[in-house]
């Protein structure tokens, strides 16, 4: 799961700072948290 977080962090860092507002970053992190939760849930049910 941490690999996904690293990719997300890299994507945020590559984006121009002017575009990467705090709101965008926060939203991306929240989406990532939900995604990780869903994936770990799916793995647990296998």
PDB file of N, CA and C in Angstrom:
ATOM      1  N   UNK A   1       0.826  -1.205   0.000  1.00  0.00           N
ATOM      2  CA  UNK A   1       0.000   0.000   0.000  1.00  0.00           C
ATOM      3  C   UNK A   1       0.869   1.268   0.000  1.00  0.00           C
ATOM      4  N   UNK A   2       2.000   1.223   0.701  1.00  0.00           N
ATOM      5  CA  UNK A   2       2.826   2.423   0.828  1.00  0.00           C
ATOM      6  C   UNK A   2       3.388   2.857  -0.522  1.00  0.00           C
ATOM      7  N   UNK A   3       3.502   1.918  -1.468  1.00  0.00           N
ATOM      8  CA  UNK A   3       4.000   2.259  -2.795  1.00  0.00           C
ATOM      9  C   UNK A   3       3.035   3.229  -3.479  1.00  0.00           C
ATOM     10  N   UNK A   4       1.732   2.992  -3.312  1.00  0.00           N
ATOM     11  CA  UNK A   4       0.726   3.890  -3.882  1.00  0.00           C
ATOM     12  C   UNK A   4       0.875   5.291  -3.304  1.00  0.00           C
ATOM     13  N   UNK A   5       1.131   5.352  -2.008  1.00  0.00           N
ATOM     14  CA  UNK A   5       1.285   6.650  -1.348  1.00  0.00           C
ATOM     15  C   UNK A   5       2.511   7.384  -1.900  1.00  0.00           C
ATOM     16  N   UNK A   6       3.593   6.635  -2.146  1.00  0.00           N
ATOM     17  CA  UNK A   6       4.802   7.241  -2.709  1.00  0.00           C
ATOM     18  C   UNK A   6       4.522   7.800  -4.095  1.00  0.00           C
ATOM     19  N   UNK A   7       3.780   7.036  -4.906  1.00  0.00           N
ATOM     20  CA  UNK A   7       3.436   7.501  -6.251  1.00  0.00           C
ATOM     21  C   UNK A   7       2.593   8.770  -6.178  1.00  0.00           C
ATOM     22  N   UNK A   8       1.664   8.794  -5.234  1.00  0.00           N
ATOM     23  CA  UNK A   8       0.813   9.972  -5.064  1.00  0.00           C
ATOM     24  C   UNK A   8       1.661  11.180  -4.671  1.00  0.00           C
ATOM     25  N   UNK A   9       2.562  10.973  -3.716  1.00  0.00           N
ATOM     26  CA  UNK A   9       3.429  12.064  -3.269  1.00  0.00           C
ATOM     27  C   UNK A   9       4.281  12.576  -4.425  1.00  0.00           C
ATOM     28  N   UNK A  10       4.774  11.652  -5.251  1.00  0.00           N
ATOM     29  CA  UNK A  10       5.592  12.040  -6.395  1.00  0.00           C
ATOM     30  C   UNK A  10       4.768  12.864  -7.385  1.00  0.00           C
ATOM     31  N   UNK A  11       3.533  12.435  -7.632  1.00  0.00           N
ATOM     32  CA  UNK A  11       2.657  13.147  -8.565  1.00  0.00           C
ATOM     33  C   UNK A  11       2.376  14.566  -8.069  1.00  0.00           C
ATOM     34  N   UNK A  12       2.149  14.694  -6.751  1.00  0.00           N
ATOM     35  CA  UNK A  12       1.879  16.017  -6.174  1.00  0.00           C
ATOM     36  C   UNK A  12       3.125  16.896  -6.289  1.00  0.00           C
ATOM     37  N   UNK A  13       4.300  16.305  -6.046  1.00  0.00           N
ATOM     38  CA  UNK A  13       5.541  17.064  -6.095  1.00  0.00           C
ATOM     39  C   UNK A  13       5.865  17.513  -7.518  1.00  0.00           C
ATOM     40  N   UNK A  14       5.550  16.676  -8.502  1.00  0.00           N
ATOM     41  CA  UNK A  14       5.861  17.013  -9.896  1.00  0.00           C
ATOM     42  C   UNK A  14       4.986  18.148 -10.417  1.00  0.00           C
ATOM     43  N   UNK A  15       3.818  18.297  -9.840  1.00  0.00           N
ATOM     44  CA  UNK A  15       2.890  19.341 -10.276  1.00  0.00           C
ATOM     45  C   UNK A  15       3.436  20.720  -9.889  1.00  0.00           C
ATOM     46  N   UNK A  16       3.257  21.711 -10.759  1.00  0.00           N
ATOM     47  CA  UNK A  16       3.701  23.065 -10.405  1.00  0.00           C
ATOM     48  C   UNK A  16       3.082  23.510  -9.072  1.00  0.00           C
ATOM     49  N   UNK A  17       3.890  24.154  -8.249  1.00  0.00           N
ATOM     50  CA  UNK A  17       3.439  24.542  -6.910  1.00  0.00           C
ATOM     51  C   UNK A  17       2.217  25.451  -6.979  1.00  0.00           C
ATOM     52  N   UNK A  18       2.133  26.284  -7.998  1.00  0.00           N
ATOM     53  CA  UNK A  18       0.990  27.187  -8.136  1.00  0.00           C
ATOM     54  C   UNK A  18      -0.326  26.434  -8.246  1.00  0.00           C
ATOM     55  N   UNK A  19      -0.294  25.270  -8.905  1.00  0.00           N
ATOM     56  CA  UNK A  19      -1.517  24.493  -9.090  1.00  0.00           C
ATOM     57  C   UNK A  19      -1.812  23.606  -7.884  1.00  0.00           C
ATOM     58  N   UNK A  20      -0.753  23.143  -7.220  1.00  0.00           N
ATOM     59  CA  UNK A  20      -0.933  22.217  -6.103  1.00  0.00           C
ATOM     60  C   UNK A  20      -1.321  22.976  -4.837  1.00  0.00           C
ATOM     61  N   UNK A  21      -2.559  23.424  -4.791  1.00  0.00           N
ATOM     62  CA  UNK A  21      -3.042  24.139  -3.615  1.00  0.00           C
ATOM     63  C   UNK A  21      -3.241  23.159  -2.469  1.00  0.00           C
ATOM     64  N   UNK A  22      -3.325  23.665  -1.253  1.00  0.00           N
ATOM     65  CA  UNK A  22      -3.523  22.804  -0.095  1.00  0.00           C
ATOM     66  C   UNK A  22      -4.783  21.966  -0.232  1.00  0.00           C
ATOM     67  N   UNK A  23      -5.829  22.552  -0.812  1.00  0.00           N
ATOM     68  CA  UNK A  23      -7.097  21.842  -0.967  1.00  0.00           C
ATOM     69  C   UNK A  23      -6.930  20.640  -1.882  1.00  0.00           C
ATOM     70  N   UNK A  24      -6.238  20.829  -2.993  1.00  0.00           N
ATOM     71  CA  UNK A  24      -6.023  19.742  -3.951  1.00  0.00           C
ATOM     72  C   UNK A  24      -5.256  18.612  -3.292  1.00  0.00           C
ATOM     73  N   UNK A  25      -4.198  18.971  -2.570  1.00  0.00           N
ATOM     74  CA  UNK A  25      -3.367  17.970  -1.909  1.00  0.00           C
ATOM     75  C   UNK A  25      -4.177  17.204  -0.879  1.00  0.00           C
ATOM     76  N   UNK A  26      -4.951  17.928  -0.075  1.00  0.00           N
ATOM     77  CA  UNK A  26      -5.766  17.292   0.956  1.00  0.00           C
ATOM     78  C   UNK A  26      -6.775  16.341   0.334  1.00  0.00           C
ATOM     79  N   UNK A  27      -7.429  16.772  -0.737  1.00  0.00           N
ATOM     80  CA  UNK A  27      -8.413  15.933  -1.417  1.00  0.00           C
ATOM     81  C   UNK A  27      -7.756  14.668  -1.942  1.00  0.00           C
ATOM     82  N   UNK A  28      -6.580  14.813  -2.547  1.00  0.00           N
ATOM     83  CA  UNK A  28      -5.865  13.660  -3.089  1.00  0.00           C
ATOM     84  C   UNK A  28      -5.527  12.670  -1.981  1.00  0.00           C
ATOM     85  N   UNK A  29      -5.091  13.185  -0.839  1.00  0.00           N
ATOM     86  CA  UNK A  29      -4.743  12.312   0.288  1.00  0.00           C
ATOM     87  C   UNK A  29      -5.981  11.580   0.789  1.00  0.00           C
ATOM     88  N   UNK A  30      -7.108  12.286   0.902  1.00  0.00           N
ATOM     89  CA  UNK A  30      -8.348  11.659   1.367  1.00  0.00           C
ATOM     90  C   UNK A  30      -8.775  10.561   0.405  1.00  0.00           C
ATOM     91  N   UNK A  31      -8.715  10.852  -0.893  1.00  0.00           N
ATOM     92  CA  UNK A  31      -9.070   9.845  -1.899  1.00  0.00           C
ATOM     93  C   UNK A  31      -8.149   8.639  -1.771  1.00  0.00           C
ATOM     94  N   UNK A  32      -6.860   8.905  -1.563  1.00  0.00           N
ATOM     95  CA  UNK A  32      -5.880   7.826  -1.439  1.00  0.00           C
ATOM     96  C   UNK A  32      -6.194   6.961  -0.223  1.00  0.00           C
ATOM     97  N   UNK A  33      -6.570   7.593   0.897  1.00  0.00           N
ATOM     98  CA  UNK A  33      -6.912   6.845   2.106  1.00  0.00           C
ATOM     99  C   UNK A  33      -8.080   5.907   1.831  1.00  0.00           C
ATOM    100  N   UNK A  34      -9.108   6.408   1.155  1.00  0.00           N
ATOM    101  CA  UNK A  34     -10.275   5.585   0.829  1.00  0.00           C
ATOM    102  C   UNK A  34      -9.879   4.437  -0.081  1.00  0.00           C
ATOM    103  N   UNK A  35      -9.022   4.727  -1.069  1.00  0.00           N
ATOM    104  CA  UNK A  35      -8.568   3.714  -2.022  1.00  0.00           C
ATOM    105  C   UNK A  35      -7.809   2.612  -1.293  1.00  0.00           C
ATOM    106  N   UNK A  36      -6.875   2.995  -0.420  1.00  0.00           N
ATOM    107  CA  UNK A  36      -6.093   2.014   0.333  1.00  0.00           C
ATOM    108  C   UNK A  36      -6.999   1.167   1.206  1.00  0.00           C
ATOM    109  N   UNK A  37      -7.987   1.789   1.829  1.00  0.00           N
ATOM    110  CA  UNK A  37      -8.915   1.065   2.692  1.00  0.00           C
ATOM    111  C   UNK A  37      -9.685   0.032   1.879  1.00  0.00           C
ATOM    112  N   UNK A  38     -10.167   0.435   0.710  1.00  0.00           N
ATOM    113  CA  UNK A  38     -10.929  -0.468  -0.153  1.00  0.00           C
ATOM    114  C   UNK A  38     -10.066  -1.633  -0.620  1.00  0.00           C
ATOM    115  N   UNK A  39      -8.824  -1.344  -0.987  1.00  0.00           N
ATOM    116  CA  UNK A  39      -7.920  -2.394  -1.464  1.00  0.00           C
ATOM    117  C   UNK A  39      -7.613  -3.382  -0.349  1.00  0.00           C
ATOM    118  N   UNK A  40      -7.283  -2.884   0.842  1.00  0.00           N
ATOM    119  CA  UNK A  40      -6.958  -3.783   1.949  1.00  0.00           C
ATOM    120  C   UNK A  40      -8.177  -4.614   2.332  1.00  0.00           C
ATOM    121  N   UNK A  41      -9.362  -4.045   2.190  1.00  0.00           N
ATOM    122  CA  UNK A  41     -10.608  -4.754   2.463  1.00  0.00           C
ATOM    123  C   UNK A  41     -10.769  -5.911   1.480  1.00  0.00           C
ATOM    124  N   UNK A  42     -10.483  -5.631   0.212  1.00  0.00           N
ATOM    125  CA  UNK A  42     -10.618  -6.629  -0.838  1.00  0.00           C
ATOM    126  C   UNK A  42      -9.619  -7.760  -0.641  1.00  0.00           C
ATOM    127  N   UNK A  43      -8.386  -7.411  -0.270  1.00  0.00           N
ATOM    128  CA  UNK A  43      -7.349  -8.420  -0.032  1.00  0.00           C
ATOM    129  C   UNK A  43      -7.760  -9.305   1.142  1.00  0.00           C
ATOM    130  N   UNK A  44      -8.330  -8.697   2.174  1.00  0.00           N
ATOM    131  CA  UNK A  44      -8.735  -9.451   3.358  1.00  0.00           C
ATOM    132  C   UNK A  44      -9.849 -10.444   3.040  1.00  0.00           C
ATOM    133  N   UNK A  45     -10.691 -10.109   2.058  1.00  0.00           N
ATOM    134  CA  UNK A  45     -11.830 -10.972   1.739  1.00  0.00           C
ATOM    135  C   UNK A  45     -11.462 -12.109   0.784  1.00  0.00           C
ATOM    136  N   UNK A  46     -10.233 -12.115   0.259  1.00  0.00           N
ATOM    137  CA  UNK A  46      -9.820 -13.177  -0.668  1.00  0.00           C
ATOM    138  C   UNK A  46      -9.577 -14.486   0.072  1.00  0.00           C
TER     139      UNK A  46
END
